[in-house]
Structures are given as C-alpha cells and as structure tokens.
Amino acid sequence: MIKFEIKGAKEMERLLRALGPELANKVGDKAVLAGTKPIVKEAKRLVRKRTRKLERAITSTVERRRTSQQHERTASIGVRPPTSARAHFEEFGTRKQAAHPFIRPAMDAKAGEALDEMGKVLAKGIEDAALRLAGK
C-alpha cells in the first residue's frame, strides 16, 4: 500500500468540516478520484496492447470509511473483472512469462501529478462551496 501525506491537509480538513459533512464528503471524494486519473491514464499507456481488454479494464474507485472522528478515503487503482483475474500475470509475471508491470510504474511516475490534482480539486471545491454558502 502506498500512502501520501499532504502538507496542509489539516487545514484543508478543517475547511472541509466547516462546509458541513455532505459538502465535505462530496468535495473530498471528488478530489481523491481526480488524483487517480493521471495514474490510470499512465497505466493505460504503459500496459501491453495485445487485445486492449486489459487497457479498457483499468479503473479507479474511492472508498470512504469513518475512523474515530474523521473520514478516511482510500483510492484503489486496479483492473475490473473478469479481466482482473489475469492482470496480475501481466504485472508480476509467471514462471513462463516475464513481468510487464504497468500499475506500479504508473504510480511511481505520476504520484506528484496525482497530489497536485487532488490539491487543485480540493481548493476549487472549497472555494466554490464557500461562495455558495456566502450566497454569491
């Protein structure tokens, strides 16, 4: 598992809470999903294109769960079924097939861009919500 710590996250969390739980969840989920897009795009670029099934099956999801007094969001980047049953052979290889990694290199290459996207979407979402609440 890869975890990122975002500088200024506590301040963002405080601003999100001030918007109320419904808006905070909407903006937070949108930001995390936006952060997955550069990684998914890069994984699709890197994967071998034999039948394109694997490329089309690469996707991301966001899950939210409550831990003590805060919400924790987890983004997952992977491959949709039924193609997912074979994707790990491509990523890690087998005794008879060399590995052709595409998920891990995409994460390594695009982690910074993912964090930038998350920050932009969070900032825009907080700004838009604050303007709406202020009646502008």
N, C-alpha and C. Protein backbone atom coordinates (compact mmCIF):
# COMPACT_ATOMS: atom_id res chain seq x y z
N MET A 1 0.84 -1.17 0.00
CA MET A 1 0.00 0.00 0.00
C MET A 1 0.89 1.24 0.00
N ILE A 2 0.46 2.23 -0.74
CA ILE A 2 1.20 3.48 -0.80
C ILE A 2 0.36 4.54 -0.11
N LYS A 3 0.98 5.27 0.80
CA LYS A 3 0.27 6.35 1.49
C LYS A 3 0.98 7.65 1.19
N PHE A 4 0.19 8.71 1.06
CA PHE A 4 0.72 10.04 0.84
C PHE A 4 0.32 10.91 2.01
N GLU A 5 1.23 11.75 2.43
CA GLU A 5 0.89 12.76 3.42
C GLU A 5 0.93 14.09 2.70
N ILE A 6 -0.15 14.81 2.79
CA ILE A 6 -0.26 16.09 2.09
C ILE A 6 -0.03 17.21 3.07
N LYS A 7 0.94 18.07 2.80
CA LYS A 7 1.18 19.22 3.66
C LYS A 7 -0.02 20.16 3.54
N GLY A 8 -0.48 20.64 4.67
CA GLY A 8 -1.65 21.49 4.67
C GLY A 8 -2.95 20.70 4.76
N ALA A 9 -2.85 19.39 4.90
CA ALA A 9 -4.04 18.54 4.94
C ALA A 9 -4.91 18.86 6.15
N LYS A 10 -4.30 19.19 7.27
CA LYS A 10 -5.09 19.51 8.47
C LYS A 10 -5.91 20.78 8.27
N GLU A 11 -5.30 21.77 7.60
CA GLU A 11 -6.03 22.99 7.32
C GLU A 11 -7.18 22.72 6.35
N MET A 12 -6.90 21.91 5.33
CA MET A 12 -7.95 21.53 4.37
C MET A 12 -9.07 20.79 5.08
N GLU A 13 -8.70 19.88 5.96
CA GLU A 13 -9.68 19.10 6.73
C GLU A 13 -10.57 20.05 7.54
N ARG A 14 -9.96 21.03 8.17
CA ARG A 14 -10.71 21.99 8.97
C ARG A 14 -11.68 22.78 8.08
N LEU A 15 -11.21 23.21 6.92
CA LEU A 15 -12.07 23.95 5.99
C LEU A 15 -13.22 23.07 5.48
N LEU A 16 -12.90 21.82 5.18
CA LEU A 16 -13.94 20.90 4.72
C LEU A 16 -15.00 20.70 5.79
N ARG A 17 -14.56 20.52 7.04
CA ARG A 17 -15.52 20.33 8.14
C ARG A 17 -16.43 21.54 8.29
N ALA A 18 -15.88 22.72 8.07
CA ALA A 18 -16.68 23.93 8.20
C ALA A 18 -17.79 23.98 7.15
N LEU A 19 -17.61 23.28 6.05
CA LEU A 19 -18.62 23.26 5.00
C LEU A 19 -19.79 22.33 5.34
N GLY A 20 -19.59 21.48 6.31
CA GLY A 20 -20.61 20.51 6.66
C GLY A 20 -20.29 19.16 6.05
N PRO A 21 -20.80 18.09 6.64
CA PRO A 21 -20.40 16.75 6.22
C PRO A 21 -20.77 16.39 4.78
N GLU A 22 -21.93 16.83 4.32
CA GLU A 22 -22.35 16.46 2.97
C GLU A 22 -21.43 17.07 1.91
N LEU A 23 -21.18 18.38 2.03
CA LEU A 23 -20.28 19.05 1.09
C LEU A 23 -18.85 18.55 1.23
N ALA A 24 -18.42 18.34 2.46
CA ALA A 24 -17.06 17.86 2.69
C ALA A 24 -16.84 16.50 2.04
N ASN A 25 -17.81 15.61 2.18
CA ASN A 25 -17.68 14.29 1.57
C ASN A 25 -17.67 14.38 0.05
N LYS A 26 -18.53 15.20 -0.50
CA LYS A 26 -18.60 15.36 -1.94
C LYS A 26 -17.29 15.90 -2.50
N VAL A 27 -16.79 16.97 -1.89
CA VAL A 27 -15.54 17.60 -2.36
C VAL A 27 -14.35 16.67 -2.13
N GLY A 28 -14.29 16.02 -0.97
CA GLY A 28 -13.19 15.12 -0.68
C GLY A 28 -13.14 13.93 -1.62
N ASP A 29 -14.30 13.32 -1.88
CA ASP A 29 -14.35 12.19 -2.81
C ASP A 29 -13.93 12.60 -4.22
N LYS A 30 -14.42 13.76 -4.64
CA LYS A 30 -14.09 14.27 -5.97
C LYS A 30 -12.58 14.51 -6.11
N ALA A 31 -11.97 15.05 -5.05
CA ALA A 31 -10.52 15.32 -5.08
C ALA A 31 -9.71 14.04 -5.16
N VAL A 32 -10.08 13.06 -4.36
CA VAL A 32 -9.34 11.79 -4.36
C VAL A 32 -9.48 11.10 -5.72
N LEU A 33 -10.69 11.10 -6.28
CA LEU A 33 -10.90 10.49 -7.59
C LEU A 33 -10.10 11.22 -8.67
N ALA A 34 -10.04 12.55 -8.58
CA ALA A 34 -9.24 13.33 -9.54
C ALA A 34 -7.76 12.96 -9.45
N GLY A 35 -7.31 12.64 -8.25
CA GLY A 35 -5.92 12.24 -8.07
C GLY A 35 -5.59 10.90 -8.71
N THR A 36 -6.59 10.06 -8.90
CA THR A 36 -6.32 8.75 -9.52
C THR A 36 -6.20 8.85 -11.04
N LYS A 37 -6.78 9.88 -11.63
CA LYS A 37 -6.84 9.97 -13.09
C LYS A 37 -5.47 9.96 -13.79
N PRO A 38 -4.48 10.73 -13.32
CA PRO A 38 -3.19 10.68 -14.01
C PRO A 38 -2.53 9.29 -13.93
N ILE A 39 -2.75 8.60 -12.83
CA ILE A 39 -2.17 7.27 -12.66
C ILE A 39 -2.86 6.27 -13.57
N VAL A 40 -4.18 6.32 -13.64
CA VAL A 40 -4.94 5.42 -14.52
C VAL A 40 -4.53 5.66 -15.97
N LYS A 41 -4.43 6.93 -16.35
CA LYS A 41 -4.05 7.26 -17.73
C LYS A 41 -2.66 6.71 -18.07
N GLU A 42 -1.73 6.85 -17.14
CA GLU A 42 -0.38 6.35 -17.36
C GLU A 42 -0.35 4.82 -17.41
N ALA A 43 -1.11 4.18 -16.55
CA ALA A 43 -1.18 2.70 -16.56
C ALA A 43 -1.72 2.21 -17.90
N LYS A 44 -2.73 2.89 -18.42
CA LYS A 44 -3.29 2.51 -19.72
C LYS A 44 -2.27 2.72 -20.84
N ARG A 45 -1.44 3.74 -20.68
CA ARG A 45 -0.39 3.98 -21.69
C ARG A 45 0.69 2.90 -21.63
N LEU A 46 1.01 2.45 -20.42
CA LEU A 46 2.11 1.50 -20.24
C LEU A 46 1.75 0.04 -20.51
N VAL A 47 0.49 -0.32 -20.34
CA VAL A 47 0.11 -1.73 -20.47
C VAL A 47 0.28 -2.20 -21.92
N ARG A 48 0.65 -3.47 -22.06
CA ARG A 48 0.77 -4.02 -23.41
C ARG A 48 -0.60 -4.06 -24.06
N LYS A 49 -0.66 -3.80 -25.35
CA LYS A 49 -1.92 -3.62 -26.05
C LYS A 49 -2.29 -4.82 -26.93
N ARG A 50 -2.06 -6.01 -26.46
CA ARG A 50 -2.33 -7.18 -27.32
C ARG A 50 -3.78 -7.23 -27.78
N THR A 51 -4.73 -7.21 -26.86
CA THR A 51 -6.14 -7.23 -27.26
C THR A 51 -6.87 -5.97 -26.81
N ARG A 52 -6.24 -5.15 -26.03
CA ARG A 52 -6.77 -3.90 -25.46
C ARG A 52 -7.80 -4.14 -24.36
N LYS A 53 -8.12 -5.41 -24.06
CA LYS A 53 -9.07 -5.70 -22.98
C LYS A 53 -8.53 -5.21 -21.64
N LEU A 54 -7.26 -5.49 -21.40
CA LEU A 54 -6.65 -5.09 -20.14
C LEU A 54 -6.62 -3.57 -20.02
N GLU A 55 -6.26 -2.91 -21.08
CA GLU A 55 -6.22 -1.44 -21.08
C GLU A 55 -7.60 -0.86 -20.75
N ARG A 56 -8.65 -1.39 -21.36
CA ARG A 56 -10.01 -0.88 -21.12
C ARG A 56 -10.51 -1.19 -19.72
N ALA A 57 -9.94 -2.20 -19.07
CA ALA A 57 -10.42 -2.62 -17.75
C ALA A 57 -9.73 -1.89 -16.59
N ILE A 58 -8.71 -1.11 -16.86
CA ILE A 58 -8.02 -0.37 -15.80
C ILE A 58 -8.94 0.75 -15.32
N THR A 59 -9.13 0.83 -14.01
CA THR A 59 -10.07 1.78 -13.44
C THR A 59 -9.66 2.19 -12.04
N SER A 60 -10.41 3.11 -11.45
CA SER A 60 -10.16 3.52 -10.07
C SER A 60 -11.48 3.68 -9.34
N THR A 61 -11.42 3.51 -8.03
CA THR A 61 -12.59 3.71 -7.17
C THR A 61 -12.13 4.43 -5.91
N VAL A 62 -13.09 5.05 -5.24
CA VAL A 62 -12.81 5.71 -3.97
C VAL A 62 -13.75 5.12 -2.93
N GLU A 63 -13.18 4.75 -1.80
CA GLU A 63 -13.98 4.24 -0.69
C GLU A 63 -13.78 5.17 0.49
N ARG A 64 -14.84 5.36 1.25
CA ARG A 64 -14.77 6.22 2.42
C ARG A 64 -15.20 5.40 3.63
N ARG A 65 -14.45 5.55 4.71
CA ARG A 65 -14.87 4.91 5.96
C ARG A 65 -14.55 5.84 7.11
N ARG A 66 -15.34 5.70 8.13
CA ARG A 66 -15.18 6.56 9.31
C ARG A 66 -14.24 5.88 10.29
N THR A 67 -13.23 6.61 10.73
CA THR A 67 -12.31 6.13 11.76
C THR A 67 -12.34 7.14 12.89
N SER A 68 -12.68 6.70 14.05
CA SER A 68 -12.84 7.54 15.24
C SER A 68 -13.65 8.81 14.90
N GLN A 69 -13.00 9.94 14.71
CA GLN A 69 -13.74 11.18 14.48
C GLN A 69 -13.50 11.78 13.10
N GLN A 70 -12.94 11.01 12.21
CA GLN A 70 -12.68 11.55 10.88
C GLN A 70 -13.04 10.54 9.81
N HIS A 71 -13.14 11.02 8.58
CA HIS A 71 -13.39 10.15 7.45
C HIS A 71 -12.07 9.87 6.76
N GLU A 72 -11.85 8.63 6.42
CA GLU A 72 -10.64 8.25 5.71
C GLU A 72 -11.04 7.80 4.32
N ARG A 73 -10.39 8.36 3.31
CA ARG A 73 -10.67 7.99 1.93
C ARG A 73 -9.53 7.15 1.39
N THR A 74 -9.90 6.11 0.68
CA THR A 74 -8.92 5.24 0.07
C THR A 74 -9.22 5.13 -1.42
N ALA A 75 -8.24 5.43 -2.23
CA ALA A 75 -8.39 5.27 -3.67
C ALA A 75 -7.73 3.97 -4.08
N SER A 76 -8.43 3.21 -4.88
CA SER A 76 -7.90 1.95 -5.41
C SER A 76 -7.80 2.06 -6.92
N ILE A 77 -6.66 1.67 -7.42
CA ILE A 77 -6.45 1.64 -8.87
C ILE A 77 -6.18 0.20 -9.23
N GLY A 78 -6.95 -0.31 -10.15
CA GLY A 78 -6.81 -1.72 -10.50
C GLY A 78 -7.51 -2.05 -11.80
N VAL A 79 -7.90 -3.31 -11.90
CA VAL A 79 -8.48 -3.83 -13.13
C VAL A 79 -9.83 -4.46 -12.80
N ARG A 80 -10.86 -4.10 -13.58
CA ARG A 80 -12.22 -4.63 -13.39
C ARG A 80 -12.30 -6.10 -13.80
N PRO A 81 -13.17 -6.84 -13.11
CA PRO A 81 -13.44 -8.23 -13.53
C PRO A 81 -14.13 -8.23 -14.90
N PRO A 82 -14.04 -9.27 -15.66
CA PRO A 82 -13.32 -10.52 -15.43
C PRO A 82 -11.84 -10.43 -15.79
N THR A 83 -11.44 -9.33 -16.41
CA THR A 83 -10.05 -9.18 -16.83
C THR A 83 -9.11 -9.20 -15.63
N SER A 84 -9.58 -8.78 -14.47
CA SER A 84 -8.73 -8.72 -13.28
C SER A 84 -8.17 -10.08 -12.88
N ALA A 85 -8.83 -11.14 -13.27
CA ALA A 85 -8.36 -12.49 -12.93
C ALA A 85 -7.02 -12.80 -13.59
N ARG A 86 -6.68 -12.09 -14.65
CA ARG A 86 -5.42 -12.35 -15.37
C ARG A 86 -4.41 -11.20 -15.27
N ALA A 87 -4.84 -10.05 -14.76
CA ALA A 87 -3.99 -8.86 -14.78
C ALA A 87 -2.70 -9.03 -13.99
N HIS A 88 -2.76 -9.75 -12.88
CA HIS A 88 -1.56 -9.91 -12.06
C HIS A 88 -0.47 -10.70 -12.78
N PHE A 89 -0.85 -11.55 -13.74
CA PHE A 89 0.16 -12.26 -14.52
C PHE A 89 0.97 -11.28 -15.35
N GLU A 90 0.30 -10.28 -15.89
CA GLU A 90 0.96 -9.26 -16.69
C GLU A 90 1.86 -8.38 -15.81
N GLU A 91 1.33 -7.97 -14.67
CA GLU A 91 2.07 -7.07 -13.77
C GLU A 91 3.29 -7.75 -13.15
N PHE A 92 3.12 -8.98 -12.68
CA PHE A 92 4.18 -9.65 -11.92
C PHE A 92 4.88 -10.79 -12.66
N GLY A 93 4.28 -11.25 -13.74
CA GLY A 93 4.88 -12.36 -14.50
C GLY A 93 4.56 -13.71 -13.87
N THR A 94 5.02 -14.75 -14.54
CA THR A 94 4.87 -16.13 -14.06
C THR A 94 6.18 -16.85 -14.32
N ARG A 95 6.20 -18.14 -14.04
CA ARG A 95 7.40 -18.91 -14.37
C ARG A 95 7.70 -18.87 -15.85
N LYS A 96 6.64 -18.83 -16.65
CA LYS A 96 6.80 -18.93 -18.10
C LYS A 96 6.64 -17.60 -18.83
N GLN A 97 6.27 -16.56 -18.12
CA GLN A 97 6.03 -15.26 -18.76
C GLN A 97 6.73 -14.16 -17.97
N ALA A 98 7.48 -13.35 -18.66
CA ALA A 98 8.15 -12.23 -18.00
C ALA A 98 7.12 -11.19 -17.54
N ALA A 99 7.44 -10.50 -16.48
CA ALA A 99 6.57 -9.44 -15.98
C ALA A 99 6.59 -8.25 -16.93
N HIS A 100 5.44 -7.61 -17.08
CA HIS A 100 5.31 -6.37 -17.84
C HIS A 100 4.52 -5.40 -16.96
N PRO A 101 5.18 -4.87 -15.93
CA PRO A 101 4.47 -4.01 -14.97
C PRO A 101 3.89 -2.76 -15.63
N PHE A 102 2.72 -2.38 -15.16
CA PHE A 102 2.08 -1.17 -15.67
C PHE A 102 1.44 -0.35 -14.54
N ILE A 103 0.96 -0.99 -13.48
CA ILE A 103 0.34 -0.25 -12.38
C ILE A 103 1.41 0.44 -11.52
N ARG A 104 2.37 -0.32 -11.05
CA ARG A 104 3.39 0.25 -10.16
C ARG A 104 4.21 1.35 -10.85
N PRO A 105 4.68 1.13 -12.07
CA PRO A 105 5.41 2.22 -12.73
C PRO A 105 4.55 3.47 -12.94
N ALA A 106 3.26 3.27 -13.19
CA ALA A 106 2.36 4.42 -13.36
C ALA A 106 2.25 5.19 -12.06
N MET A 107 2.15 4.48 -10.95
CA MET A 107 2.06 5.15 -9.64
C MET A 107 3.35 5.89 -9.34
N ASP A 108 4.47 5.26 -9.61
CA ASP A 108 5.76 5.91 -9.36
C ASP A 108 5.93 7.17 -10.20
N ALA A 109 5.51 7.09 -11.47
CA ALA A 109 5.71 8.21 -12.40
C ALA A 109 4.75 9.37 -12.15
N LYS A 110 3.56 9.07 -11.69
CA LYS A 110 2.52 10.10 -11.63
C LYS A 110 2.06 10.48 -10.22
N ALA A 111 2.76 10.04 -9.19
CA ALA A 111 2.35 10.35 -7.81
C ALA A 111 2.30 11.86 -7.56
N GLY A 112 3.30 12.57 -8.00
CA GLY A 112 3.32 14.03 -7.80
C GLY A 112 2.18 14.73 -8.52
N GLU A 113 1.93 14.31 -9.75
CA GLU A 113 0.83 14.89 -10.52
C GLU A 113 -0.51 14.57 -9.86
N ALA A 114 -0.64 13.37 -9.31
CA ALA A 114 -1.87 12.98 -8.62
C ALA A 114 -2.12 13.88 -7.42
N LEU A 115 -1.09 14.14 -6.63
CA LEU A 115 -1.22 15.02 -5.47
C LEU A 115 -1.57 16.44 -5.89
N ASP A 116 -0.97 16.92 -6.96
CA ASP A 116 -1.28 18.26 -7.47
C ASP A 116 -2.75 18.35 -7.87
N GLU A 117 -3.24 17.34 -8.58
CA GLU A 117 -4.64 17.32 -9.00
C GLU A 117 -5.57 17.32 -7.80
N MET A 118 -5.24 16.52 -6.80
CA MET A 118 -6.07 16.47 -5.60
C MET A 118 -6.12 17.85 -4.94
N GLY A 119 -4.99 18.49 -4.82
CA GLY A 119 -4.93 19.81 -4.20
C GLY A 119 -5.75 20.84 -4.97
N LYS A 120 -5.66 20.82 -6.30
CA LYS A 120 -6.42 21.75 -7.13
C LYS A 120 -7.92 21.55 -6.96
N VAL A 121 -8.34 20.28 -7.02
CA VAL A 121 -9.78 19.99 -6.91
C VAL A 121 -10.29 20.32 -5.51
N LEU A 122 -9.50 20.02 -4.49
CA LEU A 122 -9.90 20.38 -3.12
C LEU A 122 -10.05 21.90 -2.98
N ALA A 123 -9.06 22.63 -3.43
CA ALA A 123 -9.09 24.08 -3.31
C ALA A 123 -10.28 24.67 -4.05
N LYS A 124 -10.51 24.21 -5.27
CA LYS A 124 -11.64 24.70 -6.07
C LYS A 124 -12.96 24.33 -5.41
N GLY A 125 -13.07 23.11 -4.93
CA GLY A 125 -14.30 22.67 -4.28
C GLY A 125 -14.61 23.46 -3.03
N ILE A 126 -13.59 23.72 -2.23
CA ILE A 126 -13.78 24.50 -1.00
C ILE A 126 -14.17 25.93 -1.35
N GLU A 127 -13.49 26.50 -2.33
CA GLU A 127 -13.79 27.87 -2.75
C GLU A 127 -15.23 27.98 -3.28
N ASP A 128 -15.62 27.06 -4.17
CA ASP A 128 -16.97 27.08 -4.74
C ASP A 128 -18.03 26.91 -3.66
N ALA A 129 -17.80 25.99 -2.76
CA ALA A 129 -18.77 25.73 -1.68
C ALA A 129 -18.87 26.94 -0.76
N ALA A 130 -17.75 27.56 -0.46
CA ALA A 130 -17.76 28.74 0.42
C ALA A 130 -18.52 29.89 -0.24
N LEU A 131 -18.32 30.07 -1.55
CA LEU A 131 -19.04 31.11 -2.28
C LEU A 131 -20.55 30.83 -2.29
N ARG A 132 -20.90 29.58 -2.48
CA ARG A 132 -22.32 29.21 -2.47
C ARG A 132 -22.95 29.48 -1.11
N LEU A 133 -22.21 29.10 -0.06
CA LEU A 133 -22.73 29.31 1.30
C LEU A 133 -22.83 30.80 1.64
N ALA A 134 -21.95 31.59 1.05
CA ALA A 134 -21.98 33.04 1.29
C ALA A 134 -23.06 33.73 0.43
N GLY A 135 -23.68 32.95 -0.46
CA GLY A 135 -24.75 33.49 -1.29
C GLY A 135 -24.29 34.28 -2.50
N LYS A 136 -23.09 33.98 -2.96
CA LYS A 136 -22.56 34.70 -4.15
C LYS A 136 -22.64 33.84 -5.38
